[in-house]
Amino acid sequence: MYFTQYQKKAKEYALYQDKFYPVASLMVESAELADELVKPMLRGDDVEIDKDKLLSEAGDVLWNLAMILEDQDISLGDAAEYNLAKLADRKVRGVIKGNGGNR
Protein backbone atom coordinates (compact mmCIF):
# COMPACT_ATOMS: atom_id res chain seq x y z
CA MET A 1 0.00 0.00 0.00
CA TYR A 2 1.25 3.45 -0.84
CA PHE A 3 1.40 6.21 1.75
CA THR A 4 -1.14 8.35 -0.09
CA GLN A 5 -3.61 5.45 -0.21
CA TYR A 6 -3.05 4.74 3.46
CA GLN A 7 -3.50 8.38 4.47
CA LYS A 8 -6.75 8.70 2.52
CA LYS A 9 -8.17 5.48 3.97
CA ALA A 10 -6.94 6.27 7.51
CA LYS A 11 -8.76 9.62 7.42
CA GLU A 12 -12.06 7.69 7.41
CA TYR A 13 -11.35 6.80 11.06
CA ALA A 14 -10.46 10.33 12.18
CA LEU A 15 -13.42 11.03 14.45
CA TYR A 16 -11.68 13.56 16.70
CA GLN A 17 -12.86 17.16 16.99
CA ASP A 18 -9.61 18.77 18.14
CA LYS A 19 -6.49 18.65 15.96
CA PHE A 20 -4.46 18.23 19.15
CA TYR A 21 -5.82 14.68 19.52
CA PRO A 22 -3.41 12.95 17.11
CA VAL A 23 -0.51 15.02 18.45
CA ALA A 24 -1.09 13.86 22.02
CA SER A 25 -1.94 10.34 20.89
CA LEU A 26 1.28 10.11 18.84
CA MET A 27 3.30 10.70 22.00
CA VAL A 28 1.42 7.96 23.86
CA GLU A 29 1.53 5.46 21.01
CA SER A 30 5.23 6.12 20.34
CA ALA A 31 5.97 5.36 23.98
CA GLU A 32 3.94 2.15 23.77
CA LEU A 33 5.85 1.11 20.64
CA ALA A 34 9.19 1.84 22.28
CA ASP A 35 8.07 -0.01 25.41
CA GLU A 36 7.69 -3.21 23.41
CA LEU A 37 11.43 -3.07 22.65
CA VAL A 38 13.02 -1.10 25.47
CA LYS A 39 11.87 -3.06 28.51
CA PRO A 40 13.24 -6.41 27.32
CA MET A 41 16.51 -4.71 26.29
CA LEU A 42 16.94 -2.87 29.60
CA ARG A 43 16.10 -5.92 31.69
CA GLY A 44 18.22 -8.17 29.54
CA ASP A 45 15.25 -10.44 28.91
CA ASP A 46 15.96 -13.21 26.47
CA VAL A 47 12.50 -13.06 24.92
CA GLU A 48 11.24 -12.95 21.39
CA ILE A 49 9.59 -9.64 20.56
CA ASP A 50 5.86 -10.05 19.98
CA LYS A 51 5.54 -9.03 16.32
CA ASP A 52 1.76 -8.65 16.55
CA LYS A 53 2.07 -6.15 19.41
CA LEU A 54 4.85 -4.35 17.55
CA LEU A 55 2.74 -4.14 14.39
CA SER A 56 -0.26 -2.93 16.36
CA GLU A 57 1.67 -0.13 18.07
CA ALA A 58 3.53 0.81 14.87
CA GLY A 59 0.19 1.08 13.10
CA ASP A 60 -1.13 3.38 15.82
CA VAL A 61 1.98 5.57 15.46
CA LEU A 62 1.55 5.64 11.69
CA TRP A 63 -2.13 6.56 11.92
CA ASN A 64 -1.48 9.45 14.29
CA LEU A 65 1.39 10.75 12.16
CA ALA A 66 -0.74 10.50 9.03
CA MET A 67 -3.54 12.48 10.69
CA ILE A 68 -1.20 15.18 12.00
CA LEU A 69 0.14 15.66 8.49
CA GLU A 70 -3.36 15.46 6.97
CA ASP A 71 -4.52 18.23 9.30
CA GLN A 72 -1.66 20.38 7.96
CA ASP A 73 -2.34 19.50 4.29
CA ILE A 74 0.91 17.52 4.03
CA SER A 75 0.98 14.08 2.49
CA LEU A 76 2.67 11.22 4.26
CA GLY A 77 4.37 10.43 0.95
CA ASP A 78 5.84 13.93 0.77
CA ALA A 79 7.15 13.58 4.32
CA ALA A 80 8.78 10.25 3.41
CA GLU A 81 10.39 11.69 0.26
CA TYR A 82 11.59 14.78 2.16
CA ASN A 83 13.13 12.58 4.83
CA LEU A 84 14.98 10.41 2.32
CA ALA A 85 16.32 13.50 0.53
CA LYS A 86 17.49 14.93 3.87
CA LEU A 87 19.23 11.68 4.80
CA ALA A 88 20.88 11.43 1.37
CA ASP A 89 22.19 14.99 1.72
CA ARG A 90 23.59 14.23 5.17
CA LYS A 91 25.28 11.09 3.85
CA VAL A 92 26.89 13.00 0.99
CA ARG A 93 28.15 15.63 3.43
CA GLY A 94 29.41 12.96 5.86
CA VAL A 95 27.20 14.09 8.74
CA ILE A 96 24.65 11.30 8.87
CA LYS A 97 26.05 10.21 12.27
CA GLY A 98 26.28 13.75 13.58
CA ASN A 99 24.22 15.41 16.30
CA GLY A 100 21.40 17.90 15.98
CA GLY A 101 18.64 18.39 13.48
CA ASN A 102 20.34 21.02 11.34
CA ARG A 103 23.54 19.37 10.29
PDB file of N, CA and C in Angstrom:
ATOM      1  N   MET A   1       0.847  -1.185   0.000  1.00  0.00           N
ATOM      2  CA  MET A   1       0.000   0.000   0.000  1.00  0.00           C
ATOM      3  C   MET A   1       0.887   1.241   0.000  1.00  0.00           C
ATOM      4  N   TYR A   2       0.517   2.197  -0.780  1.00  0.00           N
ATOM      5  CA  TYR A   2       1.252   3.454  -0.842  1.00  0.00           C
ATOM      6  C   TYR A   2       0.810   4.381   0.288  1.00  0.00           C
ATOM      7  N   PHE A   3       1.715   5.272   0.673  1.00  0.00           N
ATOM      8  CA  PHE A   3       1.404   6.206   1.753  1.00  0.00           C
ATOM      9  C   PHE A   3       0.159   7.030   1.461  1.00  0.00           C
ATOM     10  N   THR A   4       0.020   7.506   0.228  1.00  0.00           N
ATOM     11  CA  THR A   4      -1.135   8.346  -0.092  1.00  0.00           C
ATOM     12  C   THR A   4      -2.436   7.561   0.040  1.00  0.00           C
ATOM     13  N   GLN A   5      -2.429   6.296  -0.369  1.00  0.00           N
ATOM     14  CA  GLN A   5      -3.614   5.452  -0.209  1.00  0.00           C
ATOM     15  C   GLN A   5      -3.917   5.235   1.264  1.00  0.00           C
ATOM     16  N   TYR A   6      -2.874   4.960   2.027  1.00  0.00           N
ATOM     17  CA  TYR A   6      -3.045   4.739   3.462  1.00  0.00           C
ATOM     18  C   TYR A   6      -3.642   5.974   4.126  1.00  0.00           C
ATOM     19  N   GLN A   7      -3.060   7.144   3.828  1.00  0.00           N
ATOM     20  CA  GLN A   7      -3.497   8.376   4.474  1.00  0.00           C
ATOM     21  C   GLN A   7      -4.959   8.672   4.154  1.00  0.00           C
ATOM     22  N   LYS A   8      -5.354   8.467   2.921  1.00  0.00           N
ATOM     23  CA  LYS A   8      -6.746   8.704   2.523  1.00  0.00           C
ATOM     24  C   LYS A   8      -7.687   7.754   3.253  1.00  0.00           C
ATOM     25  N   LYS A   9      -7.325   6.476   3.293  1.00  0.00           N
ATOM     26  CA  LYS A   9      -8.166   5.479   3.970  1.00  0.00           C
ATOM     27  C   LYS A   9      -8.188   5.717   5.481  1.00  0.00           C
ATOM     28  N   ALA A  10      -7.040   6.044   6.062  1.00  0.00           N
ATOM     29  CA  ALA A  10      -6.935   6.270   7.508  1.00  0.00           C
ATOM     30  C   ALA A  10      -7.801   7.442   7.964  1.00  0.00           C
ATOM     31  N   LYS A  11      -7.962   8.425   7.082  1.00  0.00           N
ATOM     32  CA  LYS A  11      -8.756   9.617   7.421  1.00  0.00           C
ATOM     33  C   LYS A  11     -10.213   9.247   7.719  1.00  0.00           C
ATOM     34  N   GLU A  12     -10.684   8.140   7.156  1.00  0.00           N
ATOM     35  CA  GLU A  12     -12.060   7.695   7.413  1.00  0.00           C
ATOM     36  C   GLU A  12     -12.301   7.408   8.896  1.00  0.00           C
ATOM     37  N   TYR A  13     -11.231   7.151   9.640  1.00  0.00           N
ATOM     38  CA  TYR A  13     -11.351   6.803  11.056  1.00  0.00           C
ATOM     39  C   TYR A  13     -11.010   7.970  11.979  1.00  0.00           C
ATOM     40  N   ALA A  14     -10.811   9.144  11.394  1.00  0.00           N
ATOM     41  CA  ALA A  14     -10.460  10.330  12.181  1.00  0.00           C
ATOM     42  C   ALA A  14     -11.746  10.973  12.707  1.00  0.00           C
ATOM     43  N   LEU A  15     -12.167  10.549  13.876  1.00  0.00           N
ATOM     44  CA  LEU A  15     -13.415  11.031  14.453  1.00  0.00           C
ATOM     45  C   LEU A  15     -13.210  12.111  15.508  1.00  0.00           C
ATOM     46  N   TYR A  16     -11.983  12.558  15.677  1.00  0.00           N
ATOM     47  CA  TYR A  16     -11.681  13.556  16.699  1.00  0.00           C
ATOM     48  C   TYR A  16     -12.157  14.947  16.258  1.00  0.00           C
ATOM     49  N   GLN A  17     -12.410  15.795  17.248  1.00  0.00           N
ATOM     50  CA  GLN A  17     -12.860  17.163  16.989  1.00  0.00           C
ATOM     51  C   GLN A  17     -11.706  18.165  17.062  1.00  0.00           C
ATOM     52  N   ASP A  18     -10.725  17.856  17.885  1.00  0.00           N
ATOM     53  CA  ASP A  18      -9.615  18.771  18.138  1.00  0.00           C
ATOM     54  C   ASP A  18      -8.355  18.239  17.460  1.00  0.00           C
ATOM     55  N   LYS A  19      -7.697  19.072  16.673  1.00  0.00           N
ATOM     56  CA  LYS A  19      -6.488  18.654  15.959  1.00  0.00           C
ATOM     57  C   LYS A  19      -5.337  18.298  16.899  1.00  0.00           C
ATOM     58  N   PHE A  20      -5.481  18.603  18.172  1.00  0.00           N
ATOM     59  CA  PHE A  20      -4.458  18.229  19.149  1.00  0.00           C
ATOM     60  C   PHE A  20      -4.511  16.729  19.455  1.00  0.00           C
ATOM     61  N   TYR A  21      -5.657  16.100  19.187  1.00  0.00           N
ATOM     62  CA  TYR A  21      -5.818  14.685  19.523  1.00  0.00           C
ATOM     63  C   TYR A  21      -4.705  13.810  18.941  1.00  0.00           C
ATOM     64  N   PRO A  22      -4.453  13.841  17.622  1.00  0.00           N
ATOM     65  CA  PRO A  22      -3.413  12.948  17.111  1.00  0.00           C
ATOM     66  C   PRO A  22      -2.009  13.335  17.568  1.00  0.00           C
ATOM     67  N   VAL A  23      -1.816  14.594  17.935  1.00  0.00           N
ATOM     68  CA  VAL A  23      -0.513  15.023  18.450  1.00  0.00           C
ATOM     69  C   VAL A  23      -0.255  14.358  19.800  1.00  0.00           C
ATOM     70  N   ALA A  24      -1.227  14.470  20.698  1.00  0.00           N
ATOM     71  CA  ALA A  24      -1.090  13.861  22.018  1.00  0.00           C
ATOM     72  C   ALA A  24      -1.044  12.340  21.901  1.00  0.00           C
ATOM     73  N   SER A  25      -1.880  11.787  21.044  1.00  0.00           N
ATOM     74  CA  SER A  25      -1.939  10.344  20.886  1.00  0.00           C
ATOM     75  C   SER A  25      -0.644   9.790  20.295  1.00  0.00           C
ATOM     76  N   LEU A  26       0.010  10.555  19.414  1.00  0.00           N
ATOM     77  CA  LEU A  26       1.278  10.111  18.844  1.00  0.00           C
ATOM     78  C   LEU A  26       2.324   9.922  19.941  1.00  0.00           C
ATOM     79  N   MET A  27       2.339  10.824  20.905  1.00  0.00           N
ATOM     80  CA  MET A  27       3.304  10.696  22.002  1.00  0.00           C
ATOM     81  C   MET A  27       3.046   9.414  22.797  1.00  0.00           C
ATOM     82  N   VAL A  28       1.789   9.147  23.085  1.00  0.00           N
ATOM     83  CA  VAL A  28       1.420   7.958  23.857  1.00  0.00           C
ATOM     84  C   VAL A  28       1.741   6.690  23.072  1.00  0.00           C
ATOM     85  N   GLU A  29       1.324   6.652  21.817  1.00  0.00           N
ATOM     86  CA  GLU A  29       1.526   5.457  21.008  1.00  0.00           C
ATOM     87  C   GLU A  29       3.006   5.209  20.713  1.00  0.00           C
ATOM     88  N   SER A  30       3.785   6.283  20.549  1.00  0.00           N
ATOM     89  CA  SER A  30       5.231   6.122  20.340  1.00  0.00           C
ATOM     90  C   SER A  30       5.882   5.495  21.565  1.00  0.00           C
ATOM     91  N   ALA A  31       5.436   5.931  22.737  1.00  0.00           N
ATOM     92  CA  ALA A  31       5.971   5.359  23.978  1.00  0.00           C
ATOM     93  C   ALA A  31       5.590   3.884  24.088  1.00  0.00           C
ATOM     94  N   GLU A  32       4.372   3.546  23.707  1.00  0.00           N
ATOM     95  CA  GLU A  32       3.944   2.152  23.768  1.00  0.00           C
ATOM     96  C   GLU A  32       4.737   1.296  22.778  1.00  0.00           C
ATOM     97  N   LEU A  33       5.031   1.828  21.609  1.00  0.00           N
ATOM     98  CA  LEU A  33       5.849   1.109  20.636  1.00  0.00           C
ATOM     99  C   LEU A  33       7.254   0.886  21.191  1.00  0.00           C
ATOM    100  N   ALA A  34       7.848   1.941  21.710  1.00  0.00           N
ATOM    101  CA  ALA A  34       9.193   1.835  22.275  1.00  0.00           C
ATOM    102  C   ALA A  34       9.214   0.862  23.448  1.00  0.00           C
ATOM    103  N   ASP A  35       8.162   0.867  24.245  1.00  0.00           N
ATOM    104  CA  ASP A  35       8.074  -0.009  25.414  1.00  0.00           C
ATOM    105  C   ASP A  35       8.170  -1.481  25.031  1.00  0.00           C
ATOM    106  N   GLU A  36       7.632  -1.827  23.875  1.00  0.00           N
ATOM    107  CA  GLU A  36       7.691  -3.214  23.412  1.00  0.00           C
ATOM    108  C   GLU A  36       9.132  -3.679  23.187  1.00  0.00           C
ATOM    109  N   LEU A  37      10.031  -2.747  22.919  1.00  0.00           N
ATOM    110  CA  LEU A  37      11.427  -3.066  22.648  1.00  0.00           C
ATOM    111  C   LEU A  37      12.356  -2.731  23.806  1.00  0.00           C
ATOM    112  N   VAL A  38      12.103  -1.615  24.455  1.00  0.00           N
ATOM    113  CA  VAL A  38      13.025  -1.102  25.470  1.00  0.00           C
ATOM    114  C   VAL A  38      13.041  -1.952  26.733  1.00  0.00           C
ATOM    115  N   LYS A  39      11.880  -2.301  27.254  1.00  0.00           N
ATOM    116  CA  LYS A  39      11.869  -3.059  28.509  1.00  0.00           C
ATOM    117  C   LYS A  39      12.660  -4.352  28.422  1.00  0.00           C
ATOM    118  N   PRO A  40      12.430  -5.183  27.400  1.00  0.00           N
ATOM    119  CA  PRO A  40      13.242  -6.408  27.319  1.00  0.00           C
ATOM    120  C   PRO A  40      14.741  -6.103  27.190  1.00  0.00           C
ATOM    121  N   MET A  41      15.087  -5.062  26.461  1.00  0.00           N
ATOM    122  CA  MET A  41      16.506  -4.710  26.295  1.00  0.00           C
ATOM    123  C   MET A  41      17.117  -4.249  27.612  1.00  0.00           C
ATOM    124  N   LEU A  42      16.407  -3.397  28.339  1.00  0.00           N
ATOM    125  CA  LEU A  42      16.935  -2.866  29.598  1.00  0.00           C
ATOM    126  C   LEU A  42      17.039  -3.935  30.675  1.00  0.00           C
ATOM    127  N   ARG A  43      16.082  -4.857  30.682  1.00  0.00           N
ATOM    128  CA  ARG A  43      16.097  -5.921  31.689  1.00  0.00           C
ATOM    129  C   ARG A  43      16.994  -7.078  31.282  1.00  0.00           C
ATOM    130  N   GLY A  44      17.402  -7.072  30.024  1.00  0.00           N
ATOM    131  CA  GLY A  44      18.216  -8.167  29.540  1.00  0.00           C
ATOM    132  C   GLY A  44      17.417  -9.437  29.331  1.00  0.00           C
ATOM    133  N   ASP A  45      16.109  -9.269  29.139  1.00  0.00           N
ATOM    134  CA  ASP A  45      15.254 -10.436  28.914  1.00  0.00           C
ATOM    135  C   ASP A  45      15.651 -11.128  27.615  1.00  0.00           C
ATOM    136  N   ASP A  46      15.687 -12.424  27.662  1.00  0.00           N
ATOM    137  CA  ASP A  46      15.958 -13.207  26.470  1.00  0.00           C
ATOM    138  C   ASP A  46      14.612 -13.690  25.938  1.00  0.00           C
ATOM    139  N   VAL A  47      13.826 -12.736  25.418  1.00  0.00           N
ATOM    140  CA  VAL A  47      12.501 -13.063  24.921  1.00  0.00           C
ATOM    141  C   VAL A  47      12.382 -12.630  23.471  1.00  0.00           C
ATOM    142  N   GLU A  48      11.529 -13.334  22.766  1.00  0.00           N
ATOM    143  CA  GLU A  48      11.243 -12.949  21.392  1.00  0.00           C
ATOM    144  C   GLU A  48      10.238 -11.807  21.413  1.00  0.00           C
ATOM    145  N   ILE A  49      10.500 -10.786  20.634  1.00  0.00           N
ATOM    146  CA  ILE A  49       9.589  -9.644  20.559  1.00  0.00           C
ATOM    147  C   ILE A  49       8.292 -10.107  19.907  1.00  0.00           C
ATOM    148  N   ASP A  50       7.178  -9.712  20.499  1.00  0.00           N
ATOM    149  CA  ASP A  50       5.862 -10.053  19.981  1.00  0.00           C
ATOM    150  C   ASP A  50       5.578  -9.184  18.755  1.00  0.00           C
ATOM    151  N   LYS A  51       5.690  -9.778  17.579  1.00  0.00           N
ATOM    152  CA  LYS A  51       5.538  -9.034  16.318  1.00  0.00           C
ATOM    153  C   LYS A  51       4.128  -8.464  16.159  1.00  0.00           C
ATOM    154  N   ASP A  52       3.119  -9.169  16.656  1.00  0.00           N
ATOM    155  CA  ASP A  52       1.756  -8.655  16.552  1.00  0.00           C
ATOM    156  C   ASP A  52       1.582  -7.378  17.368  1.00  0.00           C
ATOM    157  N   LYS A  53       2.138  -7.365  18.587  1.00  0.00           N
ATOM    158  CA  LYS A  53       2.069  -6.154  19.410  1.00  0.00           C
ATOM    159  C   LYS A  53       2.846  -5.021  18.756  1.00  0.00           C
ATOM    160  N   LEU A  54       4.016  -5.353  18.212  1.00  0.00           N
ATOM    161  CA  LEU A  54       4.848  -4.355  17.548  1.00  0.00           C
ATOM    162  C   LEU A  54       4.114  -3.766  16.346  1.00  0.00           C
ATOM    163  N   LEU A  55       3.505  -4.620  15.540  1.00  0.00           N
ATOM    164  CA  LEU A  55       2.735  -4.142  14.387  1.00  0.00           C
ATOM    165  C   LEU A  55       1.552  -3.282  14.814  1.00  0.00           C
ATOM    166  N   SER A  56       0.887  -3.683  15.872  1.00  0.00           N
ATOM    167  CA  SER A  56      -0.261  -2.927  16.365  1.00  0.00           C
ATOM    168  C   SER A  56       0.152  -1.524  16.799  1.00  0.00           C
ATOM    169  N   GLU A  57       1.210  -1.442  17.584  1.00  0.00           N
ATOM    170  CA  GLU A  57       1.672  -0.131  18.071  1.00  0.00           C
ATOM    171  C   GLU A  57       2.249   0.709  16.930  1.00  0.00           C
ATOM    172  N   ALA A  58       2.982   0.072  16.014  1.00  0.00           N
ATOM    173  CA  ALA A  58       3.533   0.806  14.868  1.00  0.00           C
ATOM    174  C   ALA A  58       2.406   1.373  14.007  1.00  0.00           C
ATOM    175  N   GLY A  59       1.350   0.591  13.849  1.00  0.00           N
ATOM    176  CA  GLY A  59       0.192   1.076  13.099  1.00  0.00           C
ATOM    177  C   GLY A  59      -0.463   2.268  13.766  1.00  0.00           C
ATOM    178  N   ASP A  60      -0.559   2.245  15.089  1.00  0.00           N
ATOM    179  CA  ASP A  60      -1.129   3.377  15.818  1.00  0.00           C
ATOM    180  C   ASP A  60      -0.264   4.624  15.643  1.00  0.00           C
ATOM    181  N   VAL A  61       1.052   4.449  15.683  1.00  0.00           N
ATOM    182  CA  VAL A  61       1.978   5.574  15.464  1.00  0.00           C
ATOM    183  C   VAL A  61       1.778   6.119  14.052  1.00  0.00           C
ATOM    184  N   LEU A  62       1.714   5.226  13.084  1.00  0.00           N
ATOM    185  CA  LEU A  62       1.551   5.639  11.689  1.00  0.00           C
ATOM    186  C   LEU A  62       0.247   6.396  11.482  1.00  0.00           C
ATOM    187  N   TRP A  63      -0.835   5.898  12.070  1.00  0.00           N
ATOM    188  CA  TRP A  63      -2.130   6.563  11.916  1.00  0.00           C
ATOM    189  C   TRP A  63      -2.089   7.986  12.483  1.00  0.00           C
ATOM    190  N   ASN A  64      -1.540   8.117  13.682  1.00  0.00           N
ATOM    191  CA  ASN A  64      -1.482   9.447  14.287  1.00  0.00           C
ATOM    192  C   ASN A  64      -0.611  10.396  13.473  1.00  0.00           C
ATOM    193  N   LEU A  65       0.535   9.920  13.000  1.00  0.00           N
ATOM    194  CA  LEU A  65       1.394  10.752  12.161  1.00  0.00           C
ATOM    195  C   LEU A  65       0.666  11.158  10.879  1.00  0.00           C
ATOM    196  N   ALA A  66       0.001  10.200  10.257  1.00  0.00           N
ATOM    197  CA  ALA A  66      -0.740  10.498   9.029  1.00  0.00           C
ATOM    198  C   ALA A  66      -1.807  11.557   9.265  1.00  0.00           C
ATOM    199  N   MET A  67      -2.482  11.508  10.409  1.00  0.00           N
ATOM    200  CA  MET A  67      -3.542  12.483  10.690  1.00  0.00           C
ATOM    201  C   MET A  67      -2.968  13.858  11.029  1.00  0.00           C
ATOM    202  N   ILE A  68      -1.847  13.897  11.732  1.00  0.00           N
ATOM    203  CA  ILE A  68      -1.196  15.185  12.004  1.00  0.00           C
ATOM    204  C   ILE A  68      -0.839  15.857  10.690  1.00  0.00           C
ATOM    205  N   LEU A  69      -0.238  15.109   9.789  1.00  0.00           N
ATOM    206  CA  LEU A  69       0.140  15.663   8.488  1.00  0.00           C
ATOM    207  C   LEU A  69      -1.095  16.029   7.677  1.00  0.00           C
ATOM    208  N   GLU A  70      -2.106  15.177   7.687  1.00  0.00           N
ATOM    209  CA  GLU A  70      -3.356  15.458   6.966  1.00  0.00           C
ATOM    210  C   GLU A  70      -3.966  16.771   7.434  1.00  0.00           C
ATOM    211  N   ASP A  71      -3.961  16.992   8.740  1.00  0.00           N
ATOM    212  CA  ASP A  71      -4.522  18.225   9.299  1.00  0.00           C
ATOM    213  C   ASP A  71      -3.736  19.458   8.872  1.00  0.00           C
ATOM    214  N   GLN A  72      -2.508  19.268   8.417  1.00  0.00           N
ATOM    215  CA  GLN A  72      -1.664  20.378   7.955  1.00  0.00           C
ATOM    216  C   GLN A  72      -1.533  20.388   6.426  1.00  0.00           C
ATOM    217  N   ASP A  73      -2.361  19.605   5.758  1.00  0.00           N
ATOM    218  CA  ASP A  73      -2.335  19.499   4.293  1.00  0.00           C
ATOM    219  C   ASP A  73      -0.976  19.067   3.761  1.00  0.00           C
ATOM    220  N   ILE A  74      -0.369  18.102   4.448  1.00  0.00           N
ATOM    221  CA  ILE A  74       0.906  17.524   4.029  1.00  0.00           C
ATOM    222  C   ILE A  74       0.680  16.035   3.831  1.00  0.00           C
ATOM    223  N   SER A  75       1.159  15.512   2.717  1.00  0.00           N
ATOM    224  CA  SER A  75       0.979  14.078   2.490  1.00  0.00           C
ATOM    225  C   SER A  75       2.074  13.297   3.198  1.00  0.00           C
ATOM    226  N   LEU A  76       1.711  12.128   3.632  1.00  0.00           N
ATOM    227  CA  LEU A  76       2.668  11.219   4.257  1.00  0.00           C
ATOM    228  C   LEU A  76       3.762  10.853   3.259  1.00  0.00           C
ATOM    229  N   GLY A  77       3.391  10.709   1.995  1.00  0.00           N
ATOM    230  CA  GLY A  77       4.366  10.429   0.947  1.00  0.00           C
ATOM    231  C   GLY A  77       5.383  11.548   0.793  1.00  0.00           C
ATOM    232  N   ASP A  78       4.917  12.799   0.858  1.00  0.00           N
ATOM    233  CA  ASP A  78       5.839  13.931   0.769  1.00  0.00           C
ATOM    234  C   ASP A  78       6.797  13.946   1.952  1.00  0.00           C
ATOM    235  N   ALA A  79       6.292  13.618   3.131  1.00  0.00           N
ATOM    236  CA  ALA A  79       7.150  13.575   4.324  1.00  0.00           C
ATOM    237  C   ALA A  79       8.215  12.495   4.167  1.00  0.00           C
ATOM    238  N   ALA A  80       7.832  11.344   3.618  1.00  0.00           N
ATOM    239  CA  ALA A  80       8.780  10.253   3.412  1.00  0.00           C
ATOM    240  C   ALA A  80       9.852  10.655   2.394  1.00  0.00           C
ATOM    241  N   GLU A  81       9.434  11.252   1.291  1.00  0.00           N
ATOM    242  CA  GLU A  81      10.386  11.690   0.262  1.00  0.00           C
ATOM    243  C   GLU A  81      11.329  12.763   0.812  1.00  0.00           C
ATOM    244  N   TYR A  82      10.779  13.714   1.561  1.00  0.00           N
ATOM    245  CA  TYR A  82      11.586  14.780   2.159  1.00  0.00           C
ATOM    246  C   TYR A  82      12.639  14.187   3.090  1.00  0.00           C
ATOM    247  N   ASN A  83      12.215  13.208   3.897  1.00  0.00           N
ATOM    248  CA  ASN A  83      13.130  12.578   4.831  1.00  0.00           C
ATOM    249  C   ASN A  83      14.260  11.862   4.111  1.00  0.00           C
ATOM    250  N   LEU A  84      13.943  11.117   3.063  1.00  0.00           N
ATOM    251  CA  LEU A  84      14.980  10.412   2.315  1.00  0.00           C
ATOM    252  C   LEU A  84      15.963  11.379   1.656  1.00  0.00           C
ATOM    253  N   ALA A  85      15.446  12.491   1.137  1.00  0.00           N
ATOM    254  CA  ALA A  85      16.321  13.500   0.533  1.00  0.00           C
ATOM    255  C   ALA A  85      17.238  14.114   1.590  1.00  0.00           C
ATOM    256  N   LYS A  86      16.699  14.370   2.773  1.00  0.00           N
ATOM    257  CA  LYS A  86      17.493  14.934   3.869  1.00  0.00           C
ATOM    258  C   LYS A  86      18.591  13.969   4.287  1.00  0.00           C
ATOM    259  N   LEU A  87      18.235  12.689   4.414  1.00  0.00           N
ATOM    260  CA  LEU A  87      19.228  11.684   4.797  1.00  0.00           C
ATOM    261  C   LEU A  87      20.307  11.522   3.724  1.00  0.00           C
ATOM    262  N   ALA A  88      19.909  11.544   2.460  1.00  0.00           N
ATOM    263  CA  ALA A  88      20.882  11.429   1.368  1.00  0.00           C
ATOM    264  C   ALA A  88      21.851  12.602   1.391  1.00  0.00           C
ATOM    265  N   ASP A  89      21.337  13.798   1.640  1.00  0.00           N
ATOM    266  CA  ASP A  89      22.185  14.988   1.721  1.00  0.00           C
ATOM    267  C   ASP A  89      23.172  14.875   2.880  1.00  0.00           C
ATOM    268  N   ARG A  90      22.696  14.398   4.011  1.00  0.00           N
ATOM    269  CA  ARG A  90      23.585  14.227   5.171  1.00  0.00           C
ATOM    270  C   ARG A  90      24.673  13.194   4.878  1.00  0.00           C
ATOM    271  N   LYS A  91      24.304  12.129   4.182  1.00  0.00           N
ATOM    272  CA  LYS A  91      25.279  11.093   3.855  1.00  0.00           C
ATOM    273  C   LYS A  91      26.359  11.647   2.938  1.00  0.00           C
ATOM    274  N   VAL A  92      25.944  12.399   1.927  1.00  0.00           N
ATOM    275  CA  VAL A  92      26.893  13.000   0.992  1.00  0.00           C
ATOM    276  C   VAL A  92      27.851  13.937   1.720  1.00  0.00           C
ATOM    277  N   ARG A  93      27.332  14.675   2.683  1.00  0.00           N
ATOM    278  CA  ARG A  93      28.151  15.633   3.435  1.00  0.00           C
ATOM    279  C   ARG A  93      28.896  14.981   4.588  1.00  0.00           C
ATOM    280  N   GLY A  94      28.694  13.679   4.817  1.00  0.00           N
ATOM    281  CA  GLY A  94      29.406  12.955   5.863  1.00  0.00           C
ATOM    282  C   GLY A  94      28.948  13.283   7.265  1.00  0.00           C
ATOM    283  N   VAL A  95      27.694  13.714   7.416  1.00  0.00           N
ATOM    284  CA  VAL A  95      27.200  14.095   8.744  1.00  0.00           C
ATOM    285  C   VAL A  95      25.989  13.256   9.169  1.00  0.00           C
ATOM    286  N   ILE A  96      25.818  12.116   8.540  1.00  0.00           N
ATOM    287  CA  ILE A  96      24.648  11.296   8.874  1.00  0.00           C
ATOM    288  C   ILE A  96      24.701  10.794  10.313  1.00  0.00           C
ATOM    289  N   LYS A  97      25.902  10.650  10.867  1.00  0.00           N
ATOM    290  CA  LYS A  97      26.054  10.214  12.270  1.00  0.00           C
ATOM    291  C   LYS A  97      26.216  11.384  13.218  1.00  0.00           C
ATOM    292  N   GLY A  98      26.071  12.582  12.734  1.00  0.00           N
ATOM    293  CA  GLY A  98      26.276  13.755  13.579  1.00  0.00           C
ATOM    294  C   GLY A  98      25.138  13.973  14.559  1.00  0.00           C
ATOM    295  N   ASN A  99      25.222  15.051  15.314  1.00  0.00           N
ATOM    296  CA  ASN A  99      24.216  15.413  16.299  1.00  0.00           C
ATOM    297  C   ASN A  99      23.445  16.638  15.842  1.00  0.00           C
ATOM    298  N   GLY A 100      22.206  16.721  16.277  1.00  0.00           N
ATOM    299  CA  GLY A 100      21.397  17.900  15.984  1.00  0.00           C
ATOM    300  C   GLY A 100      20.605  17.740  14.696  1.00  0.00           C
ATOM    301  N   GLY A 101      19.523  18.475  14.626  1.00  0.00           N
ATOM    302  CA  GLY A 101      18.638  18.386  13.479  1.00  0.00           C
ATOM    303  C   GLY A 101      19.138  19.124  12.253  1.00  0.00           C
ATOM    304  N   ASN A 102      19.870  20.206  12.456  1.00  0.00           N
ATOM    305  CA  ASN A 102      20.343  21.025  11.344  1.00  0.00           C
ATOM    306  C   ASN A 102      21.817  20.806  11.081  1.00  0.00           C
ATOM    307  N   ARG A 103      22.137  19.645  10.559  1.00  0.00           N
ATOM    308  CA  ARG A 103      23.540  19.369  10.289  1.00  0.00           C
ATOM    309  C   ARG A 103      23.798  19.181   8.823  1.00  0.00           C
TER     310      ARG A 103
END
